[in-house]
Amino acid sequence: MQWQWLQPGISCTVRTYAKINLTLDVLGRRSDGYHALATVMQTVDLYDTLSFTLRDDEQVRLVCTQPELSTETNLALRAAMVLREYTGQRYGALIELQKRIPSAAGLGGGSSDAAAALLALTRLWRLSLTSEELLRLAASLGSDVPFFLYGGLALCEGRGELVTPLPSCWPAEWRWLVLLKPAISVSTASVFGALTARDYSDGSHTWAVCAALREGRLPDLAHLYNGLERGVVERYAAVAAARAALLEAGAAFVRLSGSGPTLFTALAHLEEAQRLWLRLQEQGYEVYLTQAIYPSVESLTLLSLPAR
């Protein structure tokens, strides 16, 4: 690697998309303390924007539009530092994060930012890493991070790090998604820590949804199962109230995304989705109208990057 490839000021920009969980089967606790999972995840068109600019020193800095996230614990910054440590390089970068995805919401915003940092800085720093190396680094940062190296629709197993992409076959009946983020944050660790044996399942919900999607069928609503949902709804009154508000506003079904507290529903027609979104917004809820998206690694936009 040569410095002439890495001129200060060279930059790249990427959108980092949120996700929802169509299913989340918790199979049980593993010997390493994590829980074994089987989950179907889909990226949605709600995104943060990350910009990376080469620095002429060895400093890696992150600045976020939400100042409280401009810390060393930010997953995007942690991803950059893990990448530097693994490769042994010491080039600098300024990371600018425009935050739109709600934090601690069950939408994977931090994990998506981390995956983007790995991909963008691998290219910007001209590193040569295999897909397997990137996956290992992603898994070391968090269970959802490997999924965001792929995006789209995927089955995730293990503790979430084993990713199998699924066909791009999002049902037309669910084209429009309404996401409602209650005015609370939920700790993923505390949600998993509160699980009991009755919250565990055998993975059949996830397998049924995978089979339906692969065959081009609309999955049975009974299989849109999240093993964390019961505990979250029971422990957090704000989530229970938001779920009731969605149903009263006309949602045909409501499910929890990840460990919450964000809830989602799906509709076939934009007009119906807009009406639902407006009713909930008028009630003071933080609500997003979005749809499934299939981003590509090539969505990274490299600006003025010189040839090798």
C-alpha atoms as a PDB file:
ATOM      1  CA  MET A   1       0.000   0.000   0.000  1.00  0.00           C
ATOM      2  CA  GLN A   2       1.386   3.370  -0.992  1.00  0.00           C
ATOM      3  CA  TRP A   3       0.504   6.830   0.251  1.00  0.00           C
ATOM      4  CA  GLN A   4       0.235   8.177  -3.317  1.00  0.00           C
ATOM      5  CA  TRP A   5      -2.995   6.163  -3.608  1.00  0.00           C
ATOM      6  CA  LEU A   6      -4.358   7.888  -0.517  1.00  0.00           C
ATOM      7  CA  GLN A   7      -4.403  11.598  -1.157  1.00  0.00           C
ATOM      8  CA  PRO A   8      -5.913  13.647   1.698  1.00  0.00           C
ATOM      9  CA  GLY A   9      -9.382  14.918   0.864  1.00  0.00           C
ATOM     10  CA  ILE A  10     -10.453  11.899  -1.160  1.00  0.00           C
ATOM     11  CA  SER A  11     -13.895  10.918   0.080  1.00  0.00           C
ATOM     12  CA  CYS A  12     -16.801   8.538  -0.307  1.00  0.00           C
ATOM     13  CA  THR A  13     -20.424   8.713   0.760  1.00  0.00           C
ATOM     14  CA  VAL A  14     -22.880   5.903   1.433  1.00  0.00           C
ATOM     15  CA  ARG A  15     -26.467   5.484   2.594  1.00  0.00           C
ATOM     16  CA  THR A  16     -26.846   2.967   5.394  1.00  0.00           C
ATOM     17  CA  TYR A  17     -30.296   1.394   5.541  1.00  0.00           C
ATOM     18  CA  ALA A  18     -32.382   0.233   8.489  1.00  0.00           C
ATOM     19  CA  LYS A  19     -33.925  -3.240   8.764  1.00  0.00           C
ATOM     20  CA  ILE A  20     -36.997  -4.939  10.112  1.00  0.00           C
ATOM     21  CA  ASN A  21     -37.331  -8.517  11.335  1.00  0.00           C
ATOM     22  CA  LEU A  22     -40.109 -10.477   9.664  1.00  0.00           C
ATOM     23  CA  THR A  23     -39.399 -13.277  12.104  1.00  0.00           C
ATOM     24  CA  LEU A  24     -37.210 -13.729  15.148  1.00  0.00           C
ATOM     25  CA  ASP A  25     -37.139 -17.250  16.555  1.00  0.00           C
ATOM     26  CA  VAL A  26     -35.033 -17.516  19.721  1.00  0.00           C
ATOM     27  CA  LEU A  27     -33.933 -21.146  19.789  1.00  0.00           C
ATOM     28  CA  GLY A  28     -32.246 -21.105  23.204  1.00  0.00           C
ATOM     29  CA  ARG A  29     -29.144 -19.945  25.036  1.00  0.00           C
ATOM     30  CA  ARG A  30     -25.740 -20.936  23.687  1.00  0.00           C
ATOM     31  CA  SER A  31     -22.735 -21.989  25.741  1.00  0.00           C
ATOM     32  CA  ASP A  32     -21.022 -18.658  24.958  1.00  0.00           C
ATOM     33  CA  GLY A  33     -23.860 -16.707  26.602  1.00  0.00           C
ATOM     34  CA  TYR A  34     -25.461 -15.540  23.367  1.00  0.00           C
ATOM     35  CA  HIS A  35     -28.831 -16.793  22.166  1.00  0.00           C
ATOM     36  CA  ALA A  36     -29.198 -18.991  19.095  1.00  0.00           C
ATOM     37  CA  LEU A  37     -31.445 -17.280  16.567  1.00  0.00           C
ATOM     38  CA  ALA A  38     -33.240 -17.879  13.298  1.00  0.00           C
ATOM     39  CA  THR A  39     -34.517 -14.633  11.815  1.00  0.00           C
ATOM     40  CA  VAL A  40     -35.585 -13.191   8.473  1.00  0.00           C
ATOM     41  CA  MET A  41     -34.475  -9.590   7.989  1.00  0.00           C
ATOM     42  CA  GLN A  42     -35.200  -7.048   5.269  1.00  0.00           C
ATOM     43  CA  THR A  43     -33.567  -3.673   4.654  1.00  0.00           C
ATOM     44  CA  VAL A  44     -35.952  -0.725   4.333  1.00  0.00           C
ATOM     45  CA  ASP A  45     -35.606   2.707   2.755  1.00  0.00           C
ATOM     46  CA  LEU A  46     -34.925   4.582   5.974  1.00  0.00           C
ATOM     47  CA  TYR A  47     -31.281   5.518   6.105  1.00  0.00           C
ATOM     48  CA  ASP A  48     -28.378   7.311   7.717  1.00  0.00           C
ATOM     49  CA  THR A  49     -25.757   8.983   5.523  1.00  0.00           C
ATOM     50  CA  LEU A  50     -22.065   8.405   6.196  1.00  0.00           C
ATOM     51  CA  SER A  51     -19.257  10.352   4.563  1.00  0.00           C
ATOM     52  CA  PHE A  52     -15.607   9.295   4.842  1.00  0.00           C
ATOM     53  CA  THR A  53     -12.726  11.647   4.041  1.00  0.00           C
ATOM     54  CA  LEU A  54      -9.036  10.748   4.115  1.00  0.00           C
ATOM     55  CA  ARG A  55      -6.939  12.706   6.634  1.00  0.00           C
ATOM     56  CA  ASP A  56      -3.251  13.500   6.272  1.00  0.00           C
ATOM     57  CA  ASP A  57      -2.520  12.197   9.771  1.00  0.00           C
ATOM     58  CA  GLU A  58      -3.237   8.984  11.660  1.00  0.00           C
ATOM     59  CA  GLN A  59      -6.375  10.248  13.370  1.00  0.00           C
ATOM     60  CA  VAL A  60      -9.781   8.637  12.895  1.00  0.00           C
ATOM     61  CA  ARG A  61     -12.567  10.955  14.058  1.00  0.00           C
ATOM     62  CA  LEU A  62     -16.346  10.691  13.954  1.00  0.00           C
ATOM     63  CA  VAL A  63     -18.733  13.648  13.983  1.00  0.00           C
ATOM     64  CA  CYS A  64     -22.481  13.012  14.181  1.00  0.00           C
ATOM     65  CA  THR A  65     -25.460  15.310  13.709  1.00  0.00           C
ATOM     66  CA  GLN A  66     -26.588  13.946  17.078  1.00  0.00           C
ATOM     67  CA  PRO A  67     -23.658  15.034  19.293  1.00  0.00           C
ATOM     68  CA  GLU A  68     -24.392  12.421  21.948  1.00  0.00           C
ATOM     69  CA  LEU A  69     -23.450   9.766  19.368  1.00  0.00           C
ATOM     70  CA  SER A  70     -20.040  11.319  18.607  1.00  0.00           C
ATOM     71  CA  THR A  71     -18.293   9.008  21.067  1.00  0.00           C
ATOM     72  CA  GLU A  72     -15.780   6.178  21.026  1.00  0.00           C
ATOM     73  CA  THR A  73     -18.613   3.690  21.516  1.00  0.00           C
ATOM     74  CA  ASN A  74     -20.217   4.595  18.177  1.00  0.00           C
ATOM     75  CA  LEU A  75     -20.229   1.409  16.110  1.00  0.00           C
ATOM     76  CA  ALA A  76     -19.067   3.135  12.930  1.00  0.00           C
ATOM     77  CA  LEU A  77     -15.983   4.474  14.708  1.00  0.00           C
ATOM     78  CA  ARG A  78     -15.411   1.116  16.414  1.00  0.00           C
ATOM     79  CA  ALA A  79     -15.591  -0.569  12.990  1.00  0.00           C
ATOM     80  CA  ALA A  80     -12.930   1.783  11.656  1.00  0.00           C
ATOM     81  CA  MET A  81     -10.637   1.066  14.596  1.00  0.00           C
ATOM     82  CA  VAL A  82     -11.168  -2.705  14.345  1.00  0.00           C
ATOM     83  CA  LEU A  83     -10.318  -2.537  10.629  1.00  0.00           C
ATOM     84  CA  ARG A  84      -7.141  -0.557  11.316  1.00  0.00           C
ATOM     85  CA  GLU A  85      -6.037  -2.925  14.056  1.00  0.00           C
ATOM     86  CA  TYR A  86      -6.688  -6.000  11.909  1.00  0.00           C
ATOM     87  CA  THR A  87      -4.844  -4.715   8.853  1.00  0.00           C
ATOM     88  CA  GLY A  88      -2.068  -2.894  10.691  1.00  0.00           C
ATOM     89  CA  GLN A  89      -2.451   0.259   8.610  1.00  0.00           C
ATOM     90  CA  ARG A  90      -2.488   3.693  10.228  1.00  0.00           C
ATOM     91  CA  TYR A  91      -4.153   5.974   7.719  1.00  0.00           C
ATOM     92  CA  GLY A  92      -6.572   8.557   9.042  1.00  0.00           C
ATOM     93  CA  ALA A  93     -10.175   9.376   8.215  1.00  0.00           C
ATOM     94  CA  LEU A  94     -12.928  11.777   9.149  1.00  0.00           C
ATOM     95  CA  ILE A  95     -16.306  10.042   9.470  1.00  0.00           C
ATOM     96  CA  GLU A  96     -19.360  12.303   9.259  1.00  0.00           C
ATOM     97  CA  LEU A  97     -22.638  10.680  10.253  1.00  0.00           C
ATOM     98  CA  GLN A  98     -25.974  12.242   9.383  1.00  0.00           C
ATOM     99  CA  LYS A  99     -28.343  10.314  11.648  1.00  0.00           C
ATOM    100  CA  ARG A 100     -31.926   9.574  10.596  1.00  0.00           C
ATOM    101  CA  ILE A 101     -32.497   6.006  11.817  1.00  0.00           C
ATOM    102  CA  PRO A 102     -33.673   6.119  15.454  1.00  0.00           C
ATOM    103  CA  SER A 103     -31.135   4.775  17.942  1.00  0.00           C
ATOM    104  CA  ALA A 104     -31.811   1.800  20.233  1.00  0.00           C
ATOM    105  CA  ALA A 105     -34.963   1.150  18.213  1.00  0.00           C
ATOM    106  CA  GLY A 106     -34.652  -2.411  16.901  1.00  0.00           C
ATOM    107  CA  LEU A 107     -33.909  -1.118  13.382  1.00  0.00           C
ATOM    108  CA  GLY A 108     -30.187  -1.893  13.276  1.00  0.00           C
ATOM    109  CA  GLY A 109     -29.015   1.651  12.582  1.00  0.00           C
ATOM    110  CA  GLY A 110     -25.719   1.339  14.443  1.00  0.00           C
ATOM    111  CA  SER A 111     -25.011  -2.060  12.901  1.00  0.00           C
ATOM    112  CA  SER A 112     -25.732  -0.707   9.421  1.00  0.00           C
ATOM    113  CA  ASP A 113     -23.352   2.191  10.021  1.00  0.00           C
ATOM    114  CA  ALA A 114     -20.654  -0.245  11.176  1.00  0.00           C
ATOM    115  CA  ALA A 115     -21.009  -2.419   8.072  1.00  0.00           C
ATOM    116  CA  ALA A 116     -20.803   0.671   5.869  1.00  0.00           C
ATOM    117  CA  ALA A 117     -17.635   1.777   7.652  1.00  0.00           C
ATOM    118  CA  LEU A 118     -16.005  -1.601   7.012  1.00  0.00           C
ATOM    119  CA  LEU A 119     -16.935  -1.563   3.322  1.00  0.00           C
ATOM    120  CA  ALA A 120     -16.188   2.099   2.653  1.00  0.00           C
ATOM    121  CA  LEU A 121     -12.857   2.240   4.468  1.00  0.00           C
ATOM    122  CA  THR A 122     -11.724  -1.034   2.918  1.00  0.00           C
ATOM    123  CA  ARG A 123     -12.127   0.662  -0.454  1.00  0.00           C
ATOM    124  CA  LEU A 124     -10.959   4.114   0.569  1.00  0.00           C
ATOM    125  CA  TRP A 125      -7.824   2.810   2.308  1.00  0.00           C
ATOM    126  CA  ARG A 126      -7.169   0.431  -0.614  1.00  0.00           C
ATOM    127  CA  LEU A 127      -7.175  -2.670   1.588  1.00  0.00           C
ATOM    128  CA  SER A 128      -7.312  -6.202   0.250  1.00  0.00           C
ATOM    129  CA  LEU A 129      -9.691  -8.218   2.427  1.00  0.00           C
ATOM    130  CA  THR A 130     -11.665 -11.312   1.527  1.00  0.00           C
ATOM    131  CA  SER A 131     -15.390 -11.598   2.100  1.00  0.00           C
ATOM    132  CA  GLU A 132     -14.652 -14.062   4.899  1.00  0.00           C
ATOM    133  CA  GLU A 133     -12.366 -11.576   6.638  1.00  0.00           C
ATOM    134  CA  LEU A 134     -14.981  -8.824   6.399  1.00  0.00           C
ATOM    135  CA  LEU A 135     -17.626 -11.159   7.808  1.00  0.00           C
ATOM    136  CA  ARG A 136     -15.419 -12.070  10.769  1.00  0.00           C
ATOM    137  CA  LEU A 137     -14.732  -8.411  11.520  1.00  0.00           C
ATOM    138  CA  ALA A 138     -18.440  -7.618  11.194  1.00  0.00           C
ATOM    139  CA  ALA A 139     -19.411 -10.429  13.571  1.00  0.00           C
ATOM    140  CA  SER A 140     -16.907  -9.159  16.153  1.00  0.00           C
ATOM    141  CA  LEU A 141     -18.765  -5.838  16.201  1.00  0.00           C
ATOM    142  CA  GLY A 142     -22.298  -7.155  16.659  1.00  0.00           C
ATOM    143  CA  SER A 143     -24.736  -9.869  15.669  1.00  0.00           C
ATOM    144  CA  ASP A 144     -26.577  -7.749  13.079  1.00  0.00           C
ATOM    145  CA  VAL A 145     -23.514  -6.260  11.391  1.00  0.00           C
ATOM    146  CA  PRO A 146     -22.856  -9.214   9.017  1.00  0.00           C
ATOM    147  CA  PHE A 147     -26.402  -8.931   7.625  1.00  0.00           C
ATOM    148  CA  PHE A 148     -25.743  -5.345   6.547  1.00  0.00           C
ATOM    149  CA  LEU A 149     -22.762  -6.425   4.453  1.00  0.00           C
ATOM    150  CA  TYR A 150     -25.441  -8.002   2.233  1.00  0.00           C
ATOM    151  CA  GLY A 151     -28.661  -6.041   2.826  1.00  0.00           C
ATOM    152  CA  GLY A 152     -31.875  -6.933   1.059  1.00  0.00           C
ATOM    153  CA  LEU A 153     -33.734  -9.991   2.311  1.00  0.00           C
ATOM    154  CA  ALA A 154     -31.855 -12.682   4.212  1.00  0.00           C
ATOM    155  CA  LEU A 155     -32.060 -15.551   6.663  1.00  0.00           C
ATOM    156  CA  CYS A 156     -29.713 -15.050   9.614  1.00  0.00           C
ATOM    157  CA  GLU A 157     -28.757 -17.856  11.976  1.00  0.00           C
ATOM    158  CA  GLY A 158     -26.288 -18.599  14.765  1.00  0.00           C
ATOM    159  CA  ARG A 159     -26.343 -15.493  16.924  1.00  0.00           C
ATOM    160  CA  GLY A 160     -27.252 -13.624  13.724  1.00  0.00           C
ATOM    161  CA  GLU A 161     -23.875 -13.744  11.990  1.00  0.00           C
ATOM    162  CA  LEU A 162     -24.623 -16.633   9.594  1.00  0.00           C
ATOM    163  CA  VAL A 163     -26.289 -14.928   6.631  1.00  0.00           C
ATOM    164  CA  THR A 164     -28.077 -16.617   3.714  1.00  0.00           C
ATOM    165  CA  PRO A 165     -29.436 -14.121   1.160  1.00  0.00           C
ATOM    166  CA  LEU A 166     -32.973 -14.844  -0.015  1.00  0.00           C
ATOM    167  CA  PRO A 167     -34.483 -14.034  -3.428  1.00  0.00           C
ATOM    168  CA  SER A 168     -35.550 -10.436  -3.969  1.00  0.00           C
ATOM    169  CA  CYS A 169     -39.203 -11.376  -3.615  1.00  0.00           C
ATOM    170  CA  TRP A 170     -40.811  -8.912  -1.216  1.00  0.00           C
ATOM    171  CA  PRO A 171     -44.602  -9.423  -1.480  1.00  0.00           C
ATOM    172  CA  ALA A 172     -46.548  -6.776  -3.400  1.00  0.00           C
ATOM    173  CA  GLU A 173     -49.208  -6.982  -0.673  1.00  0.00           C
ATOM    174  CA  TRP A 174     -46.619  -5.575   1.757  1.00  0.00           C
ATOM    175  CA  ARG A 175     -45.108  -2.958  -0.536  1.00  0.00           C
ATOM    176  CA  TRP A 176     -45.513  -0.077   1.912  1.00  0.00           C
ATOM    177  CA  LEU A 177     -44.262  -0.254   5.485  1.00  0.00           C
ATOM    178  CA  VAL A 178     -45.273   1.987   8.356  1.00  0.00           C
ATOM    179  CA  LEU A 179     -42.797   2.044  11.249  1.00  0.00           C
ATOM    180  CA  LEU A 180     -43.746   3.482  14.638  1.00  0.00           C
ATOM    181  CA  LYS A 181     -41.006   4.270  17.150  1.00  0.00           C
ATOM    182  CA  PRO A 182     -42.418   4.773  20.687  1.00  0.00           C
ATOM    183  CA  ALA A 183     -40.800   7.568  22.676  1.00  0.00           C
ATOM    184  CA  ILE A 184     -38.549   5.211  24.647  1.00  0.00           C
ATOM    185  CA  SER A 185     -35.305   3.321  24.079  1.00  0.00           C
ATOM    186  CA  VAL A 186     -34.935  -0.362  24.842  1.00  0.00           C
ATOM    187  CA  SER A 187     -31.724  -2.179  25.767  1.00  0.00           C
ATOM    188  CA  THR A 188     -31.212  -5.255  23.605  1.00  0.00           C
ATOM    189  CA  ALA A 189     -29.220  -6.915  26.384  1.00  0.00           C
ATOM    190  CA  SER A 190     -31.999  -6.380  28.928  1.00  0.00           C
ATOM    191  CA  VAL A 191     -34.637  -7.755  26.550  1.00  0.00           C
ATOM    192  CA  PHE A 192     -32.654 -10.931  25.918  1.00  0.00           C
ATOM    193  CA  GLY A 193     -31.791 -11.155  29.607  1.00  0.00           C
ATOM    194  CA  ALA A 194     -35.494 -11.223  30.504  1.00  0.00           C
ATOM    195  CA  LEU A 195     -36.325 -14.146  28.210  1.00  0.00           C
ATOM    196  CA  THR A 196     -37.816 -17.282  29.719  1.00  0.00           C
ATOM    197  CA  ALA A 197     -38.142 -20.787  28.309  1.00  0.00           C
ATOM    198  CA  ARG A 198     -41.663 -20.032  27.055  1.00  0.00           C
ATOM    199  CA  ASP A 199     -40.213 -17.422  24.705  1.00  0.00           C
ATOM    200  CA  TYR A 200     -38.052 -20.003  22.933  1.00  0.00           C
ATOM    201  CA  SER A 201     -39.240 -21.626  19.708  1.00  0.00           C
ATOM    202  CA  ASP A 202     -38.031 -24.282  17.298  1.00  0.00           C
ATOM    203  CA  GLY A 203     -37.446 -22.050  14.278  1.00  0.00           C
ATOM    204  CA  SER A 204     -40.539 -23.266  12.438  1.00  0.00           C
ATOM    205  CA  HIS A 205     -41.873 -19.720  12.001  1.00  0.00           C
ATOM    206  CA  THR A 206     -38.697 -18.630  10.246  1.00  0.00           C
ATOM    207  CA  TRP A 207     -38.541 -21.735   8.051  1.00  0.00           C
ATOM    208  CA  ALA A 208     -42.192 -21.279   7.034  1.00  0.00           C
ATOM    209  CA  VAL A 209     -41.640 -17.642   6.059  1.00  0.00           C
ATOM    210  CA  CYS A 210     -38.496 -18.552   4.100  1.00  0.00           C
ATOM    211  CA  ALA A 211     -40.394 -21.269   2.220  1.00  0.00           C
ATOM    212  CA  ALA A 212     -43.271 -18.940   1.362  1.00  0.00           C
ATOM    213  CA  LEU A 213     -40.981 -16.183   0.106  1.00  0.00           C
ATOM    214  CA  ARG A 214     -38.921 -18.575  -1.991  1.00  0.00           C
ATOM    215  CA  GLU A 215     -42.127 -19.901  -3.561  1.00  0.00           C
ATOM    216  CA  GLY A 216     -43.516 -16.419  -4.199  1.00  0.00           C
ATOM    217  CA  ARG A 217     -46.331 -16.829  -1.659  1.00  0.00           C
ATOM    218  CA  LEU A 218     -47.494 -14.361   0.953  1.00  0.00           C
ATOM    219  CA  PRO A 219     -46.369 -15.725   4.344  1.00  0.00           C
ATOM    220  CA  ASP A 220     -49.054 -16.588   6.872  1.00  0.00           C
ATOM    221  CA  LEU A 221     -49.345 -13.795   9.437  1.00  0.00           C
ATOM    222  CA  ALA A 222     -49.186 -16.408  12.191  1.00  0.00           C
ATOM    223  CA  HIS A 223     -45.566 -17.031  11.202  1.00  0.00           C
ATOM    224  CA  LEU A 224     -44.530 -13.373  11.491  1.00  0.00           C
ATOM    225  CA  TYR A 225     -43.364 -14.262  14.963  1.00  0.00           C
ATOM    226  CA  ASN A 226     -40.913 -12.443  17.218  1.00  0.00           C
ATOM    227  CA  GLY A 227     -39.916 -14.304  20.361  1.00  0.00           C
ATOM    228  CA  LEU A 228     -38.979 -11.022  22.048  1.00  0.00           C
ATOM    229  CA  GLU A 229     -42.329  -9.339  21.470  1.00  0.00           C
ATOM    230  CA  ARG A 230     -44.299 -10.760  24.409  1.00  0.00           C
ATOM    231  CA  GLY A 231     -41.774  -9.616  26.971  1.00  0.00           C
ATOM    232  CA  VAL A 232     -41.288  -6.167  25.438  1.00  0.00           C
ATOM    233  CA  VAL A 233     -45.026  -5.467  25.197  1.00  0.00           C
ATOM    234  CA  GLU A 234     -45.565  -6.630  28.780  1.00  0.00           C
ATOM    235  CA  ARG A 235     -42.616  -4.711  30.262  1.00  0.00           C
ATOM    236  CA  TYR A 236     -42.980  -1.437  28.356  1.00  0.00           C
ATOM    237  CA  ALA A 237     -46.372   0.264  28.537  1.00  0.00           C
ATOM    238  CA  ALA A 238     -45.399   2.693  25.773  1.00  0.00           C
ATOM    239  CA  VAL A 239     -44.934  -0.212  23.354  1.00  0.00           C
ATOM    240  CA  ALA A 240     -48.277  -1.746  24.295  1.00  0.00           C
ATOM    241  CA  ALA A 241     -49.983   1.633  23.798  1.00  0.00           C
ATOM    242  CA  ALA A 242     -48.301   2.166  20.425  1.00  0.00           C
ATOM    243  CA  ARG A 243     -49.326  -1.319  19.295  1.00  0.00           C
ATOM    244  CA  ALA A 244     -52.941  -0.551  20.217  1.00  0.00           C
ATOM    245  CA  ALA A 245     -52.755   2.794  18.393  1.00  0.00           C
ATOM    246  CA  LEU A 246     -51.563   1.117  15.200  1.00  0.00           C
ATOM    247  CA  LEU A 247     -54.394  -1.408  15.294  1.00  0.00           C
ATOM    248  CA  GLU A 248     -56.993   1.251  16.072  1.00  0.00           C
ATOM    249  CA  ALA A 249     -55.698   3.368  13.179  1.00  0.00           C
ATOM    250  CA  GLY A 250     -56.378   0.511  10.757  1.00  0.00           C
ATOM    251  CA  ALA A 251     -53.278  -1.705  10.682  1.00  0.00           C
ATOM    252  CA  ALA A 252     -54.152  -5.272   9.686  1.00  0.00           C
ATOM    253  CA  PHE A 253     -51.294  -6.598  11.823  1.00  0.00           C
ATOM    254  CA  VAL A 254     -48.509  -5.214  14.008  1.00  0.00           C
ATOM    255  CA  ARG A 255     -45.150  -6.776  14.799  1.00  0.00           C
ATOM    256  CA  LEU A 256     -42.075  -5.788  16.795  1.00  0.00           C
ATOM    257  CA  SER A 257     -38.800  -5.278  14.937  1.00  0.00           C
ATOM    258  CA  GLY A 258     -35.825  -6.875  16.649  1.00  0.00           C
ATOM    259  CA  SER A 259     -35.744  -6.091  20.354  1.00  0.00           C
ATOM    260  CA  GLY A 260     -37.881  -3.001  19.771  1.00  0.00           C
ATOM    261  CA  PRO A 261     -39.357  -0.728  20.648  1.00  0.00           C
ATOM    262  CA  THR A 262     -40.166  -0.007  16.967  1.00  0.00           C
ATOM    263  CA  LEU A 263     -43.309  -1.646  15.620  1.00  0.00           C
ATOM    264  CA  PHE A 264     -44.248  -2.110  11.987  1.00  0.00           C
ATOM    265  CA  THR A 265     -47.130  -3.008   9.716  1.00  0.00           C
ATOM    266  CA  ALA A 266     -47.392  -3.434   5.949  1.00  0.00           C
ATOM    267  CA  LEU A 267     -49.911  -2.327   3.322  1.00  0.00           C
ATOM    268  CA  ALA A 268     -50.355  -2.885  -0.393  1.00  0.00           C
ATOM    269  CA  HIS A 269     -51.372   0.627  -1.451  1.00  0.00           C
ATOM    270  CA  LEU A 270     -49.631   3.952  -0.932  1.00  0.00           C
ATOM    271  CA  GLU A 271     -52.877   5.826  -0.219  1.00  0.00           C
ATOM    272  CA  GLU A 272     -53.749   3.473   2.644  1.00  0.00           C
ATOM    273  CA  ALA A 273     -50.246   3.673   4.044  1.00  0.00           C
ATOM    274  CA  GLN A 274     -50.267   7.477   3.889  1.00  0.00           C
ATOM    275  CA  ARG A 275     -53.587   7.640   5.719  1.00  0.00           C
ATOM    276  CA  LEU A 276     -52.292   5.366   8.463  1.00  0.00           C
ATOM    277  CA  TRP A 277     -49.034   7.315   8.702  1.00  0.00           C
ATOM    278  CA  LEU A 278     -50.935  10.619   8.970  1.00  0.00           C
ATOM    279  CA  ARG A 279     -53.329   9.361  11.680  1.00  0.00           C
ATOM    280  CA  LEU A 280     -50.440   8.223  13.832  1.00  0.00           C
ATOM    281  CA  GLN A 281     -48.426  11.375  13.212  1.00  0.00           C
ATOM    282  CA  GLU A 282     -51.424  13.459  14.305  1.00  0.00           C
ATOM    283  CA  GLN A 283     -51.380  11.508  17.576  1.00  0.00           C
ATOM    284  CA  GLY A 284     -47.810  12.650  18.168  1.00  0.00           C
ATOM    285  CA  TYR A 285     -46.022   9.414  17.300  1.00  0.00           C
ATOM    286  CA  GLU A 286     -42.638   9.206  15.602  1.00  0.00           C
ATOM    287  CA  VAL A 287     -43.656   7.353  12.475  1.00  0.00           C
ATOM    288  CA  TYR A 288     -41.992   6.547   9.152  1.00  0.00           C
ATOM    289  CA  LEU A 289     -43.442   5.583   5.775  1.00  0.00           C
ATOM    290  CA  THR A 290     -40.987   3.409   3.892  1.00  0.00           C
ATOM    291  CA  GLN A 291     -40.605   0.292   1.749  1.00  0.00           C
ATOM    292  CA  ALA A 292     -38.291  -2.668   1.238  1.00  0.00           C
ATOM    293  CA  ILE A 293     -35.042  -1.937  -0.576  1.00  0.00           C
ATOM    294  CA  TYR A 294     -32.226  -4.038  -2.027  1.00  0.00           C
ATOM    295  CA  PRO A 295     -29.035  -1.976  -1.746  1.00  0.00           C
ATOM    296  CA  SER A 296     -25.809  -3.011  -3.423  1.00  0.00           C
ATOM    297  CA  VAL A 297     -22.222  -2.693  -2.313  1.00  0.00           C
ATOM    298  CA  GLU A 298     -21.830  -0.653  -5.480  1.00  0.00           C
ATOM    299  CA  SER A 299     -24.158   1.978  -3.982  1.00  0.00           C
ATOM    300  CA  LEU A 300     -20.985   3.322  -2.385  1.00  0.00           C
ATOM    301  CA  THR A 301     -20.241   6.521  -4.280  1.00  0.00           C
ATOM    302  CA  LEU A 302     -16.493   7.122  -4.489  1.00  0.00           C
ATOM    303  CA  LEU A 303     -15.611  10.715  -5.268  1.00  0.00           C
ATOM    304  CA  SER A 304     -12.419  11.581  -7.159  1.00  0.00           C
ATOM    305  CA  LEU A 305     -10.673   8.354  -6.206  1.00  0.00           C
ATOM    306  CA  PRO A 306      -7.434   8.099  -8.209  1.00  0.00           C
ATOM    307  CA  ALA A 307      -6.567   4.958 -10.147  1.00  0.00           C
ATOM    308  CA  ARG A 308      -3.930   2.640  -8.766  1.00  0.00           C
END
